[in-house]
Protein backbone atom coordinates (compact mmCIF):
# COMPACT_ATOMS: atom_id res chain seq x y z
CA MET A 1 24.97 23.87 17.67
CA LYS A 2 21.75 24.78 18.26
CA VAL A 3 18.44 22.86 16.79
CA ASP A 4 14.34 24.84 16.64
CA THR A 5 12.72 22.02 18.24
CA ASP A 6 9.93 23.32 15.88
CA ASP A 7 12.81 22.15 13.43
CA LEU A 8 10.44 18.93 12.09
CA ARG A 9 11.85 16.96 8.85
CA THR A 10 10.31 14.49 7.80
CA ASN A 11 12.90 11.63 6.25
CA GLU A 12 12.38 8.72 4.01
CA THR A 13 14.09 5.41 4.70
CA ASP A 14 15.96 3.38 1.83
CA ASN A 15 15.15 -0.01 1.84
CA ARG A 16 17.32 -0.63 4.79
CA GLY A 17 15.58 1.97 7.45
CA ARG A 18 18.66 4.33 7.29
CA ILE A 19 17.76 8.41 6.42
CA TYR A 20 20.63 10.84 5.32
CA LEU A 21 20.55 13.51 7.45
CA GLY A 22 22.68 16.17 5.51
CA THR A 23 26.50 17.15 5.53
CA GLU A 24 25.47 20.27 8.19
CA TYR A 25 25.34 16.86 10.67
CA ALA A 26 28.97 15.50 9.86
CA ASN A 27 30.97 15.31 12.67
CA LYS A 28 28.32 16.27 15.23
CA ARG A 29 26.60 13.96 17.74
CA VAL A 30 22.66 14.51 16.56
CA THR A 31 19.86 12.57 18.64
CA VAL A 32 16.83 11.15 16.81
CA ALA A 33 13.47 11.31 17.58
CA VAL A 34 10.60 8.93 15.39
CA VAL A 35 7.59 10.49 16.16
CA GLU A 36 5.38 9.15 13.62
CA VAL A 37 6.10 5.58 10.92
CA GLU A 38 3.89 5.58 7.70
CA SER A 39 3.94 2.21 5.58
CA ASP A 40 3.72 2.10 2.34
CA ARG A 41 1.54 -0.78 2.32
CA PRO A 42 -1.76 -1.29 2.10
CA ASP A 43 -2.61 -3.34 5.41
CA GLU A 44 -3.67 -6.33 7.06
CA ASP A 45 -7.64 -5.60 6.77
CA GLU A 46 -7.77 -3.34 3.76
CA LEU A 47 -6.12 -6.35 1.81
CA ALA A 48 -8.90 -8.74 3.58
CA ALA A 49 -11.21 -6.21 2.24
CA ALA A 50 -10.03 -6.31 -1.29
CA TYR A 51 -9.17 -9.80 -1.74
CA ARG A 52 -13.17 -9.91 -0.45
CA GLU A 53 -14.56 -7.85 -3.12
CA ALA A 54 -12.07 -9.34 -6.24
CA SER A 55 -13.84 -12.74 -4.70
CA GLU A 56 -16.95 -11.52 -5.19
CA SER A 57 -16.59 -9.38 -8.32
CA ALA A 58 -15.39 -12.77 -9.57
CA ALA A 59 -18.66 -14.76 -9.02
CA GLU A 60 -20.24 -12.48 -10.18
CA LEU A 61 -18.66 -12.59 -13.62
CA ALA A 62 -18.82 -16.03 -13.69
CA GLU A 63 -22.13 -16.06 -13.74
CA ASP A 64 -22.56 -14.24 -15.56
CA TRP A 65 -20.57 -15.64 -17.96
CA ASN A 66 -22.89 -19.10 -17.17
CA GLU A 67 -26.14 -17.67 -18.34
CA THR A 68 -24.15 -16.47 -21.37
CA SER A 69 -22.73 -19.41 -22.51
CA ASP A 70 -25.80 -21.68 -22.16
CA GLU A 71 -27.53 -18.67 -23.93
CA ALA A 72 -25.15 -19.35 -26.84
CA TRP A 73 -25.33 -23.04 -26.80
CA ASN A 74 -29.18 -23.05 -26.57
CA GLY A 75 -29.26 -20.41 -29.60
CA LEU A 76 -26.55 -23.19 -31.52
CA ASP A 77 -28.62 -26.33 -31.07
CA GLU A 78 -32.57 -25.08 -32.46
């Protein structure tokens, strides 16, 4: 069986890293080359940036809440 070298396919692996090639390759010797691997999870830098952003947002929200809470308590004292 001749395979055109320009015939590149993109397949997704299962949770164990396996790929189903198809029945046309049954009982044949197949050589596979991995050209590129993409992760479906964010990398560590993206996670760190998201964590920092969430932390900053939480700090701002806590500060706003503290001011609002103080105003509410002060309004009760009047």
